[in-house]
Protein backbone atom coordinates (compact mmCIF):
# COMPACT_ATOMS: atom_id res chain seq x y z
CA UNK A 1 -6.51 -24.16 -53.05
CA UNK A 2 -3.72 -22.16 -54.64
CA UNK A 3 -0.01 -22.86 -54.46
CA UNK A 4 2.02 -19.94 -53.09
CA UNK A 5 5.51 -18.93 -54.17
CA UNK A 6 7.20 -20.80 -51.30
CA UNK A 7 5.08 -23.94 -51.21
CA UNK A 8 2.44 -22.53 -48.87
CA UNK A 9 -1.17 -23.39 -49.68
CA UNK A 10 -3.33 -20.29 -50.06
CA UNK A 11 -7.12 -20.03 -49.93
CA UNK A 12 -9.40 -17.17 -50.89
CA UNK A 13 -11.44 -15.02 -48.50
CA UNK A 14 -14.69 -16.92 -49.03
CA UNK A 15 -13.07 -20.25 -48.17
CA UNK A 16 -11.26 -18.78 -45.15
CA UNK A 17 -14.47 -17.17 -43.83
CA UNK A 18 -16.37 -20.45 -44.19
CA UNK A 19 -13.67 -22.41 -42.35
CA UNK A 20 -13.65 -19.94 -39.45
CA UNK A 21 -17.43 -19.56 -39.40
CA UNK A 22 -17.27 -15.76 -39.64
CA UNK A 23 -18.40 -13.13 -42.13
CA UNK A 24 -15.84 -11.75 -44.61
CA UNK A 25 -15.95 -8.41 -42.77
CA UNK A 26 -14.82 -10.16 -39.58
CA UNK A 27 -12.04 -11.89 -41.51
CA UNK A 28 -10.67 -8.52 -42.65
CA UNK A 29 -11.05 -7.19 -39.10
CA UNK A 30 -8.69 -9.99 -38.02
CA UNK A 31 -6.23 -8.78 -40.66
CA UNK A 32 -6.42 -5.15 -39.47
CA UNK A 33 -5.77 -6.29 -35.86
CA UNK A 34 -2.78 -8.41 -36.84
CA UNK A 35 -4.45 -11.74 -36.02
CA UNK A 36 -4.15 -12.95 -39.62
CA UNK A 37 -1.76 -12.25 -42.47
CA UNK A 38 -2.81 -12.03 -46.09
CA UNK A 39 -1.30 -11.55 -49.51
CA UNK A 40 -2.83 -10.48 -52.82
CA UNK A 41 -3.23 -12.59 -55.93
CA UNK A 42 -1.04 -11.83 -58.92
CA UNK A 43 -3.75 -9.70 -60.52
CA UNK A 44 -4.20 -7.75 -57.26
CA UNK A 45 -7.95 -8.41 -57.16
CA UNK A 46 -8.21 -11.12 -54.49
CA UNK A 47 -7.04 -11.53 -50.92
CA UNK A 48 -5.37 -14.85 -50.15
CA UNK A 49 -4.80 -16.46 -46.74
CA UNK A 50 -2.50 -19.20 -45.56
CA UNK A 51 -4.54 -22.39 -45.21
CA UNK A 52 -2.30 -23.50 -42.33
CA UNK A 53 -2.78 -20.23 -40.42
CA UNK A 54 -6.55 -20.35 -40.93
CA UNK A 55 -6.62 -23.92 -39.67
CA UNK A 56 -4.66 -22.99 -36.53
CA UNK A 57 -7.03 -20.12 -35.79
CA UNK A 58 -10.07 -22.32 -36.38
CA UNK A 59 -8.77 -24.87 -33.86
CA UNK A 60 -7.86 -22.17 -31.32
CA UNK A 61 -11.18 -20.35 -31.60
CA UNK A 62 -11.94 -16.62 -31.61
CA UNK A 63 -8.95 -14.47 -30.56
CA UNK A 64 -9.26 -13.57 -26.88
CA UNK A 65 -6.12 -11.51 -26.43
CA UNK A 66 -7.64 -8.46 -28.14
CA UNK A 67 -10.91 -6.64 -27.51
CA UNK A 68 -13.90 -7.65 -29.65
CA UNK A 69 -14.46 -5.56 -32.75
CA UNK A 70 -17.89 -4.49 -33.95
CA UNK A 71 -18.30 -5.27 -37.65
CA UNK A 72 -21.11 -3.61 -39.61
CA UNK A 73 -21.76 -4.43 -43.23
CA UNK A 74 -21.87 -1.28 -45.35
CA UNK A 75 -21.78 -0.41 -49.05
CA UNK A 76 -20.65 3.20 -48.55
CA UNK A 77 -16.90 3.50 -48.00
CA UNK A 78 -14.00 1.06 -48.32
CA UNK A 79 -10.65 1.95 -46.77
CA UNK A 80 -7.64 1.23 -48.97
CA UNK A 81 -3.96 1.24 -48.10
CA UNK A 82 -3.76 5.04 -47.92
CA UNK A 83 -7.14 6.43 -48.92
CA UNK A 84 -10.92 5.88 -48.80
CA UNK A 85 -13.10 4.88 -51.74
CA UNK A 86 -16.67 6.18 -51.84
CA UNK A 87 -18.95 3.47 -53.24
CA UNK A 88 -16.00 2.11 -55.24
CA UNK A 89 -14.60 5.44 -56.42
CA UNK A 90 -11.23 6.85 -55.33
CA UNK A 91 -11.96 9.77 -52.96
CA UNK A 92 -8.81 11.59 -54.14
CA UNK A 93 -10.00 11.52 -57.73
CA UNK A 94 -13.42 12.75 -56.64
CA UNK A 95 -11.81 15.58 -54.64
CA UNK A 96 -10.14 16.86 -57.79
CA UNK A 97 -13.07 16.48 -60.17
CA UNK A 98 -16.33 16.69 -58.22
CA UNK A 99 -17.82 19.32 -55.95
CA UNK A 100 -19.03 18.49 -52.46
CA UNK A 101 -22.70 18.54 -53.38
CA UNK A 102 -22.29 15.97 -56.14
CA UNK A 103 -20.14 13.69 -53.98
CA UNK A 104 -22.71 13.92 -51.15
CA UNK A 105 -25.43 12.89 -53.61
CA UNK A 106 -23.23 9.97 -54.73
CA UNK A 107 -22.85 8.82 -51.11
CA UNK A 108 -26.61 9.06 -50.61
CA UNK A 109 -27.85 7.52 -53.85
CA UNK A 110 -25.03 5.66 -55.69
CA UNK A 111 -26.62 7.05 -58.85
CA UNK A 112 -24.16 6.62 -61.78
CA UNK A 113 -25.90 9.38 -63.76
CA UNK A 114 -24.30 11.90 -61.39
CA UNK A 115 -21.02 11.38 -63.28
CA UNK A 116 -22.60 12.01 -66.68
CA UNK A 117 -22.96 15.80 -66.78
CA UNK A 118 -24.68 17.43 -69.72
CA UNK A 119 -21.48 19.20 -70.79
CA UNK A 120 -18.48 17.01 -71.63
CA UNK A 121 -16.68 19.19 -74.14
CA UNK A 122 -13.54 19.94 -72.12
CA UNK A 123 -11.05 17.13 -71.47
CA UNK A 124 -9.70 16.69 -67.97
CA UNK A 125 -6.17 17.80 -67.04
CA UNK A 126 -3.48 15.19 -66.35
CA UNK A 127 -3.87 13.68 -62.88
CA UNK A 128 -2.44 15.41 -59.84
CA UNK A 129 0.61 13.48 -58.54
CA UNK A 130 -1.12 12.86 -55.18
CA UNK A 131 -4.17 11.33 -56.87
CA UNK A 132 -2.40 8.42 -58.53
CA UNK A 133 -4.12 5.07 -58.04
CA UNK A 134 -3.46 3.28 -54.78
CA UNK A 135 -0.50 0.86 -54.61
CA UNK A 136 -0.58 -2.63 -56.06
CA UNK A 137 -1.43 -4.11 -52.70
CA UNK A 138 -4.64 -2.08 -52.27
CA UNK A 139 -7.59 -4.45 -52.72
CA UNK A 140 -9.91 -1.51 -53.34
CA UNK A 141 -7.87 0.22 -56.06
CA UNK A 142 -10.03 1.07 -59.06
CA UNK A 143 -7.18 1.20 -61.55
CA UNK A 144 -3.96 -0.80 -61.30
CA UNK A 145 -1.27 -2.18 -63.48
CA UNK A 146 -2.28 -5.50 -64.98
CA UNK A 147 -5.97 -5.17 -64.11
CA UNK A 148 -7.95 -6.70 -66.97
CA UNK A 149 -10.74 -4.18 -66.56
CA UNK A 150 -10.69 -0.95 -68.61
CA UNK A 151 -8.31 1.54 -67.04
CA UNK A 152 -9.85 4.54 -65.32
CA UNK A 153 -8.32 7.99 -65.26
CA UNK A 154 -7.92 8.95 -61.56
CA UNK A 155 -9.08 12.48 -62.34
CA UNK A 156 -12.32 11.31 -64.01
CA UNK A 157 -14.90 9.65 -61.74
CA UNK A 158 -17.25 9.36 -64.75
CA UNK A 159 -14.93 6.69 -66.14
CA UNK A 160 -14.26 5.19 -62.73
CA UNK A 161 -17.94 4.44 -62.28
CA UNK A 162 -18.02 2.42 -65.51
CA UNK A 163 -15.82 -0.27 -63.95
CA UNK A 164 -17.09 -0.04 -60.37
CA UNK A 165 -20.02 -1.90 -58.94
CA UNK A 166 -22.59 0.84 -58.38
CA UNK A 167 -23.80 -0.52 -55.08
CA UNK A 168 -27.39 -0.36 -53.82
CA UNK A 169 -29.52 2.30 -55.43
CA UNK A 170 -31.74 4.74 -53.61
CA UNK A 171 -35.41 3.93 -53.61
CA UNK A 172 -36.27 6.94 -55.76
CA UNK A 173 -34.81 10.18 -57.10
CA UNK A 174 -34.73 12.95 -54.53
CA UNK A 175 -36.14 16.47 -54.82
CA UNK A 176 -33.64 19.19 -55.66
CA UNK A 177 -34.03 21.12 -52.40
CA UNK A 178 -35.98 20.79 -49.15
CA UNK A 179 -39.22 21.12 -51.10
CA UNK A 180 -41.38 18.28 -49.85
CA UNK A 181 -45.13 18.09 -49.62
CA UNK A 182 -46.22 19.75 -46.34
CA UNK A 183 -48.75 16.99 -45.75
CA UNK A 184 -46.84 13.89 -44.54
CA UNK A 185 -49.77 11.67 -45.53
CA UNK A 186 -49.89 12.95 -49.10
CA UNK A 187 -47.70 11.41 -51.80
CA UNK A 188 -44.62 13.46 -52.49
CA UNK A 189 -43.76 14.40 -56.07
CA UNK A 190 -40.64 12.67 -57.36
CA UNK A 191 -38.52 15.19 -59.22
CA UNK A 192 -35.91 13.96 -61.64
CA UNK A 193 -32.36 13.80 -60.30
CA UNK A 194 -30.53 16.96 -61.40
CA UNK A 195 -27.59 16.38 -63.72
CA UNK A 196 -24.41 18.14 -62.59
CA UNK A 197 -22.54 20.15 -65.18
CA UNK A 198 -18.86 20.43 -66.05
CA UNK A 199 -17.05 23.66 -65.15
CA UNK A 200 -13.55 24.59 -66.31
CA UNK A 201 -11.23 26.93 -64.39
CA UNK A 202 -7.53 27.50 -63.86
CA UNK A 203 -7.67 24.66 -61.30
CA UNK A 204 -8.98 22.18 -63.88
CA UNK A 205 -12.29 20.57 -64.74
CA UNK A 206 -14.81 20.06 -61.94
CA UNK A 207 -18.28 18.51 -61.96
CA UNK A 208 -20.67 20.90 -60.21
CA UNK A 209 -24.16 20.57 -58.81
CA UNK A 210 -26.49 22.62 -61.03
CA UNK A 211 -28.45 24.48 -58.36
CA UNK A 212 -27.64 25.87 -54.90
CA UNK A 213 -28.76 24.05 -51.77
CA UNK A 214 -31.00 26.25 -49.62
CA UNK A 215 -32.71 26.35 -46.25
CA UNK A 216 -35.89 28.34 -45.67
CA UNK A 217 -35.47 31.92 -44.48
CA UNK A 218 -37.62 31.44 -41.38
CA UNK A 219 -35.50 28.53 -40.18
CA UNK A 220 -32.29 30.47 -40.84
CA UNK A 221 -33.56 33.47 -38.89
CA UNK A 222 -34.42 31.22 -35.95
CA UNK A 223 -30.96 29.62 -36.03
CA UNK A 224 -29.25 33.02 -36.16
CA UNK A 225 -31.42 34.36 -33.32
CA UNK A 226 -30.55 31.34 -31.15
CA UNK A 227 -26.88 32.36 -31.30
CA UNK A 228 -27.31 35.94 -30.11
CA UNK A 229 -26.45 35.22 -26.50
CA UNK A 230 -23.37 33.16 -27.31
CA UNK A 231 -19.82 34.49 -26.80
CA UNK A 232 -18.33 36.17 -29.85
CA UNK A 233 -15.24 33.95 -29.70
CA UNK A 234 -17.18 30.69 -29.57
CA UNK A 235 -15.70 28.05 -31.87
CA UNK A 236 -17.70 27.37 -35.05
CA UNK A 237 -18.21 23.70 -34.09
CA UNK A 238 -20.11 24.78 -30.95
CA UNK A 239 -22.31 27.03 -33.07
CA UNK A 240 -23.05 24.16 -35.47
CA UNK A 241 -24.54 22.13 -32.62
CA UNK A 242 -26.89 24.97 -31.72
CA UNK A 243 -27.83 25.48 -35.37
CA UNK A 244 -28.57 21.77 -35.87
CA UNK A 245 -30.94 21.75 -32.90
CA UNK A 246 -32.88 24.77 -34.16
CA UNK A 247 -33.07 23.51 -37.74
CA UNK A 248 -34.44 20.20 -36.52
CA UNK A 249 -37.06 21.86 -34.34
CA UNK A 250 -38.26 23.89 -37.34
CA UNK A 251 -38.61 20.90 -39.70
CA UNK A 252 -41.98 19.18 -39.46
CA UNK A 253 -40.84 16.55 -41.99
CA UNK A 254 -37.78 15.38 -40.08
CA UNK A 255 -39.37 12.04 -39.16
CA UNK A 256 -39.79 10.96 -42.78
CA UNK A 257 -36.96 8.48 -43.15
CA UNK A 258 -37.28 7.23 -46.71
CA UNK A 259 -34.12 7.83 -48.81
CA UNK A 260 -35.57 10.71 -50.87
CA UNK A 261 -36.74 12.58 -47.78
CA UNK A 262 -33.45 12.06 -45.91
CA UNK A 263 -31.52 13.35 -48.93
CA UNK A 264 -33.74 16.43 -49.08
CA UNK A 265 -33.27 16.93 -45.34
CA UNK A 266 -29.52 16.64 -45.85
CA UNK A 267 -29.46 19.40 -48.44
CA UNK A 268 -31.59 21.66 -46.25
CA UNK A 269 -29.53 20.91 -43.14
CA UNK A 270 -26.10 21.41 -44.73
CA UNK A 271 -27.24 24.68 -46.32
CA UNK A 272 -28.63 25.84 -42.99
CA UNK A 273 -25.51 24.86 -41.03
CA UNK A 274 -23.39 27.00 -43.36
CA UNK A 275 -25.69 29.98 -43.87
CA UNK A 276 -26.56 30.38 -40.18
CA UNK A 277 -22.92 30.88 -39.18
CA UNK A 278 -21.88 34.54 -38.79
CA UNK A 279 -20.91 35.95 -42.18
CA UNK A 280 -17.37 37.33 -42.27
CA UNK A 281 -16.96 38.13 -45.98
CA UNK A 282 -19.00 38.19 -49.16
CA UNK A 283 -19.62 34.76 -50.75
CA UNK A 284 -18.14 34.46 -54.22
CA UNK A 285 -20.75 31.96 -55.39
CA UNK A 286 -23.59 29.71 -54.32
CA UNK A 287 -21.75 26.43 -53.69
CA UNK A 288 -21.41 25.07 -50.17
CA UNK A 289 -17.62 25.59 -50.34
CA UNK A 290 -17.97 29.24 -51.40
CA UNK A 291 -20.57 30.03 -48.76
CA UNK A 292 -18.65 28.19 -46.03
CA UNK A 293 -15.51 30.19 -46.84
CA UNK A 294 -17.43 33.43 -46.28
CA UNK A 295 -18.41 32.20 -42.80
CA UNK A 296 -14.90 31.19 -41.77
CA UNK A 297 -12.63 33.81 -43.34
CA UNK A 298 -12.82 37.63 -43.35
CA UNK A 299 -10.73 37.80 -46.54
CA UNK A 300 -11.99 37.04 -50.05
CA UNK A 301 -11.11 33.59 -51.33
CA UNK A 302 -8.42 33.04 -53.93
CA UNK A 303 -9.37 30.47 -56.59
CA UNK A 304 -6.61 28.08 -55.54
CA UNK A 305 -7.44 28.10 -51.83
CA UNK A 306 -11.15 27.85 -52.52
CA UNK A 307 -10.39 24.82 -54.66
CA UNK A 308 -8.51 23.36 -51.69
CA UNK A 309 -11.54 23.91 -49.42
CA UNK A 310 -13.74 22.19 -51.99
CA UNK A 311 -11.32 19.25 -52.07
CA UNK A 312 -11.19 19.12 -48.25
CA UNK A 313 -14.98 18.85 -48.06
CA UNK A 314 -14.90 15.88 -50.43
CA UNK A 315 -11.95 14.17 -48.74
CA UNK A 316 -13.63 14.43 -45.34
CA UNK A 317 -17.16 13.51 -46.43
CA UNK A 318 -16.89 9.98 -45.04
CA UNK A 319 -14.36 7.58 -43.54
CA UNK A 320 -16.11 4.27 -42.95
CA UNK A 321 -16.85 3.62 -39.23
CA UNK A 322 -14.96 6.49 -37.63
CA UNK A 323 -16.01 7.14 -34.04
CA UNK A 324 -18.55 9.83 -34.90
CA UNK A 325 -20.03 7.71 -37.69
CA UNK A 326 -20.46 4.71 -35.41
CA UNK A 327 -22.26 6.94 -32.92
CA UNK A 328 -24.43 8.35 -35.70
CA UNK A 329 -25.29 4.84 -36.90
CA UNK A 330 -26.31 3.76 -33.41
CA UNK A 331 -28.62 6.80 -33.20
CA UNK A 332 -30.09 6.03 -36.63
CA UNK A 333 -30.62 2.36 -35.72
CA UNK A 334 -32.88 3.61 -32.92
CA UNK A 335 -34.83 5.56 -35.60
CA UNK A 336 -33.54 8.93 -34.44
CA UNK A 337 -34.33 11.61 -37.02
CA UNK A 338 -31.53 12.95 -39.28
CA UNK A 339 -30.98 16.07 -37.16
CA UNK A 340 -30.52 13.93 -34.03
CA UNK A 341 -28.16 11.68 -36.00
CA UNK A 342 -26.03 14.66 -37.03
CA UNK A 343 -26.14 16.15 -33.53
CA UNK A 344 -24.82 12.84 -32.19
CA UNK A 345 -22.01 12.89 -34.75
CA UNK A 346 -21.11 16.48 -33.91
CA UNK A 347 -20.85 15.65 -30.23
CA UNK A 348 -18.26 12.94 -30.90
CA UNK A 349 -16.38 14.68 -33.72
CA UNK A 350 -15.07 17.47 -31.49
CA UNK A 351 -12.93 15.06 -29.46
CA UNK A 352 -9.16 15.67 -29.76
CA UNK A 353 -8.65 12.14 -31.12
CA UNK A 354 -11.10 12.75 -33.95
CA UNK A 355 -12.13 15.95 -35.77
CA UNK A 356 -10.80 18.07 -32.92
CA UNK A 357 -7.28 17.01 -33.94
CA UNK A 358 -7.29 19.72 -36.61
CA UNK A 359 -7.83 22.34 -33.87
CA UNK A 360 -4.86 20.92 -31.97
CA UNK A 361 -2.74 21.00 -35.14
CA UNK A 362 -3.91 24.56 -35.73
CA UNK A 363 -2.60 25.61 -32.31
CA UNK A 364 0.66 23.74 -32.93
CA UNK A 365 1.22 25.69 -36.15
CA UNK A 366 0.34 28.95 -34.39
CA UNK A 367 3.26 28.36 -31.97
CA UNK A 368 5.70 28.03 -34.87
CA UNK A 369 5.91 31.67 -35.88
CA UNK A 370 9.09 30.89 -37.83
CA UNK A 371 10.51 27.55 -39.03
CA UNK A 372 13.33 27.32 -36.48
CA UNK A 373 10.74 27.14 -33.66
CA UNK A 374 9.34 23.82 -34.92
CA UNK A 375 11.91 21.71 -33.07
CA UNK A 376 11.08 23.31 -29.73
CA UNK A 377 7.31 23.01 -30.24
CA UNK A 378 7.60 19.28 -30.96
CA UNK A 379 10.17 18.66 -28.22
CA UNK A 380 7.96 20.20 -25.55
CA UNK A 381 5.03 18.00 -26.50
CA UNK A 382 7.20 14.90 -26.56
CA UNK A 383 8.59 15.77 -23.14
CA UNK A 384 5.07 16.11 -21.72
CA UNK A 385 4.11 12.78 -23.24
CA UNK A 386 1.47 14.38 -25.43
CA UNK A 387 0.19 13.09 -28.72
CA UNK A 388 1.30 15.34 -31.60
CA UNK A 389 -1.95 16.54 -33.18
CA UNK A 390 -2.24 16.04 -36.93
CA UNK A 391 0.16 13.08 -37.05
CA UNK A 392 -0.39 9.34 -37.11
CA UNK A 393 -3.46 7.37 -38.17
CA UNK A 394 -5.00 4.16 -36.84
CA UNK A 395 -5.71 2.92 -40.38
CA UNK A 396 -3.06 4.51 -42.63
CA UNK A 397 0.14 3.40 -40.94
CA UNK A 398 2.38 4.57 -43.80
CA UNK A 399 0.76 7.92 -44.52
CA UNK A 400 -2.63 9.44 -45.25
CA UNK A 401 -2.96 10.22 -48.97
CA UNK A 402 -5.78 12.66 -48.23
CA UNK A 403 -3.34 14.81 -46.27
CA UNK A 404 -0.73 14.61 -49.02
CA UNK A 405 -3.18 15.75 -51.68
CA UNK A 406 -4.59 18.58 -49.58
CA UNK A 407 -1.13 19.86 -48.65
CA UNK A 408 -0.11 19.83 -52.32
CA UNK A 409 -3.17 21.88 -53.24
CA UNK A 410 -2.40 24.44 -50.53
CA UNK A 411 1.23 24.71 -51.65
CA UNK A 412 0.14 25.24 -55.25
CA UNK A 413 -2.39 27.89 -54.19
CA UNK A 414 -0.04 29.90 -51.97
CA UNK A 415 3.61 29.20 -52.88
CA UNK A 416 6.11 30.72 -50.48
CA UNK A 417 3.54 31.44 -47.73
CA UNK A 418 5.13 31.64 -44.28
CA UNK A 419 2.55 29.23 -42.79
CA UNK A 420 3.53 26.64 -45.37
CA UNK A 421 7.16 27.09 -44.38
CA UNK A 422 6.20 26.57 -40.73
CA UNK A 423 4.27 23.44 -41.63
CA UNK A 424 7.19 22.04 -43.63
CA UNK A 425 9.49 22.66 -40.67
CA UNK A 426 7.12 20.72 -38.39
CA UNK A 427 6.98 17.86 -40.88
CA UNK A 428 10.78 17.71 -41.12
CA UNK A 429 11.15 17.70 -37.34
CA UNK A 430 8.65 14.86 -36.99
CA UNK A 431 10.52 12.84 -39.62
CA UNK A 432 13.87 13.59 -37.98
CA UNK A 433 12.49 12.06 -34.78
CA UNK A 434 10.99 9.12 -36.72
CA UNK A 435 7.54 10.00 -35.38
CA UNK A 436 4.30 9.19 -37.24
CA UNK A 437 3.53 10.76 -40.61
CA UNK A 438 1.12 13.66 -41.07
CA UNK A 439 -2.57 13.02 -41.66
CA UNK A 440 -5.44 14.98 -43.14
CA UNK A 441 -5.95 16.95 -39.89
CA UNK A 442 -2.51 18.55 -40.23
CA UNK A 443 -3.20 19.42 -43.87
CA UNK A 444 -6.53 20.95 -42.86
CA UNK A 445 -4.83 23.06 -40.18
CA UNK A 446 -2.30 24.25 -42.75
CA UNK A 447 -5.12 25.19 -45.14
CA UNK A 448 -6.95 27.26 -42.53
CA UNK A 449 -3.73 28.96 -41.38
CA UNK A 450 -2.70 29.90 -44.92
CA UNK A 451 -6.23 31.12 -45.69
CA UNK A 452 -6.37 33.33 -42.58
CA UNK A 453 -9.51 31.64 -41.27
CA UNK A 454 -10.90 32.02 -37.76
CA UNK A 455 -9.86 29.74 -34.91
CA UNK A 456 -11.52 26.34 -35.16
CA UNK A 457 -12.26 26.65 -38.87
CA UNK A 458 -10.78 23.22 -39.57
CA UNK A 459 -13.24 21.55 -37.22
CA UNK A 460 -16.10 23.35 -38.96
CA UNK A 461 -14.96 22.22 -42.42
CA UNK A 462 -14.62 18.68 -41.10
CA UNK A 463 -18.07 18.76 -39.49
CA UNK A 464 -19.94 20.18 -42.50
CA UNK A 465 -18.20 17.67 -44.76
CA UNK A 466 -18.96 14.67 -42.57
CA UNK A 467 -22.71 15.39 -42.46
CA UNK A 468 -22.87 13.78 -45.91
CA UNK A 469 -21.33 10.57 -44.61
CA UNK A 470 -23.37 10.45 -41.40
CA UNK A 471 -26.60 10.68 -43.37
CA UNK A 472 -25.47 8.04 -45.86
CA UNK A 473 -24.83 5.66 -42.97
CA UNK A 474 -28.14 6.68 -41.37
CA UNK A 475 -29.95 5.67 -44.57
CA UNK A 476 -28.42 2.19 -44.32
CA UNK A 477 -29.59 1.86 -40.72
CA UNK A 478 -33.09 3.12 -41.54
CA UNK A 479 -33.28 0.50 -44.27
CA UNK A 480 -31.92 -2.26 -42.02
CA UNK A 481 -34.51 -1.56 -39.33
CA UNK A 482 -32.77 -3.28 -36.40
CA UNK A 483 -31.25 -1.73 -33.28
CA UNK A 484 -27.47 -1.81 -32.96
CA UNK A 485 -26.92 -3.32 -29.53
CA UNK A 486 -23.36 -3.83 -28.31
CA UNK A 487 -22.65 -6.06 -25.32
CA UNK A 488 -20.23 -5.35 -22.50
CA UNK A 489 -17.76 -7.84 -21.05
CA UNK A 490 -18.49 -7.42 -17.35
CA UNK A 491 -15.40 -7.00 -15.11
CA UNK A 492 -17.01 -5.60 -11.95
CA UNK A 493 -17.80 -7.01 -8.51
CA UNK A 494 -19.28 -10.50 -8.39
CA UNK A 495 -23.01 -10.64 -8.99
CA UNK A 496 -24.93 -11.73 -5.89
């Protein structure tokens, strides 16, 4: 036991879990629900619990005043005080230094060689203010004051990975595109994992995937044809569900669920989801971000705003057990193929309390044609008892750092834009009313408004980004091999 600053005896998480007879994940679930309090050790690396409080809870038994919480062990994403960490790496740092393709591969494989590109000649810029390490109290922070481990530059995930536990490795390197042996019974060739390269631009240094992700032309034509009878003003998210169904039907290898095959399916699927959307402008490159821009915006991309889209894809790639991810994991636990897993996730993501919140925030911004209208737009929603879309977060009670970073990137890319002024006015009105802080959905809506993208573009960016996370979680379920089966607490008529 450890002696606390006021004479309280403190025990570590392992001891507390053993006394309560629960897994560490359940212990932290009690913390998130307010059942238990914790503090951090002086070095910030351990969670400590009051021995007296643990003893009281052990005598009282499992908390009954709150609904049960499903806890799933996962090595993919840890949620810190204000940001997620992908396999131990700060997602904000990754958003500023890595492209979406490389971060998706990291989520799928945990391969440290991804952060060792062949070209390292250009030093990284100083860190963006929004990407500073998480506060002292964040148990998942990768760099903090007083940490005895080597410090890691928040803009350089290659150094972050040196001090992070790499997590479980994929069974084998994955092919570079959806190029798998057509005979499922034949052994598939194992291509070496491509090494991303370093690219320097006015926006800084970014690690880029060396080759474009592609889907076969026949599958793309089928996905485009399937959309011909749809309304022209259909939201992109609705189109993505149609495209996913067609791409799955055209993939004879979709039932191969080993890690290499799922990763190859992921690259094919993400490329197909983007390229099968109606093209509105000419792509300025082969990356997923560049091609997705051309499907969502009729105007050419500026470097700064394109950089913001790239960052948004990374920031939204995963978020632990969000509602859509839980649904996707349940589907994967039943051995549903990757396309069915993604289709399940898409169905949940569109809800207004999840990815659909960016569409609600987009409509809120559209009402504020000039800053002075922000007060009325917020007041009307408050009067109707509506939730203000793009504000508040169930995990980040004191602000979502993803939203702060993305908003900063948009402001840097388009200083003085009238949509930014409208967004600032909304933020100020929310703070004047002491309402919840903005989250990443509001920042995403601001990005799409400033960029001049089509209605519902934020949902589409969110959905394409989250495919990476859904498939990473699906891989864990495929490997686990057991069905996720929740139980209901029956409250109906008496059983006769």
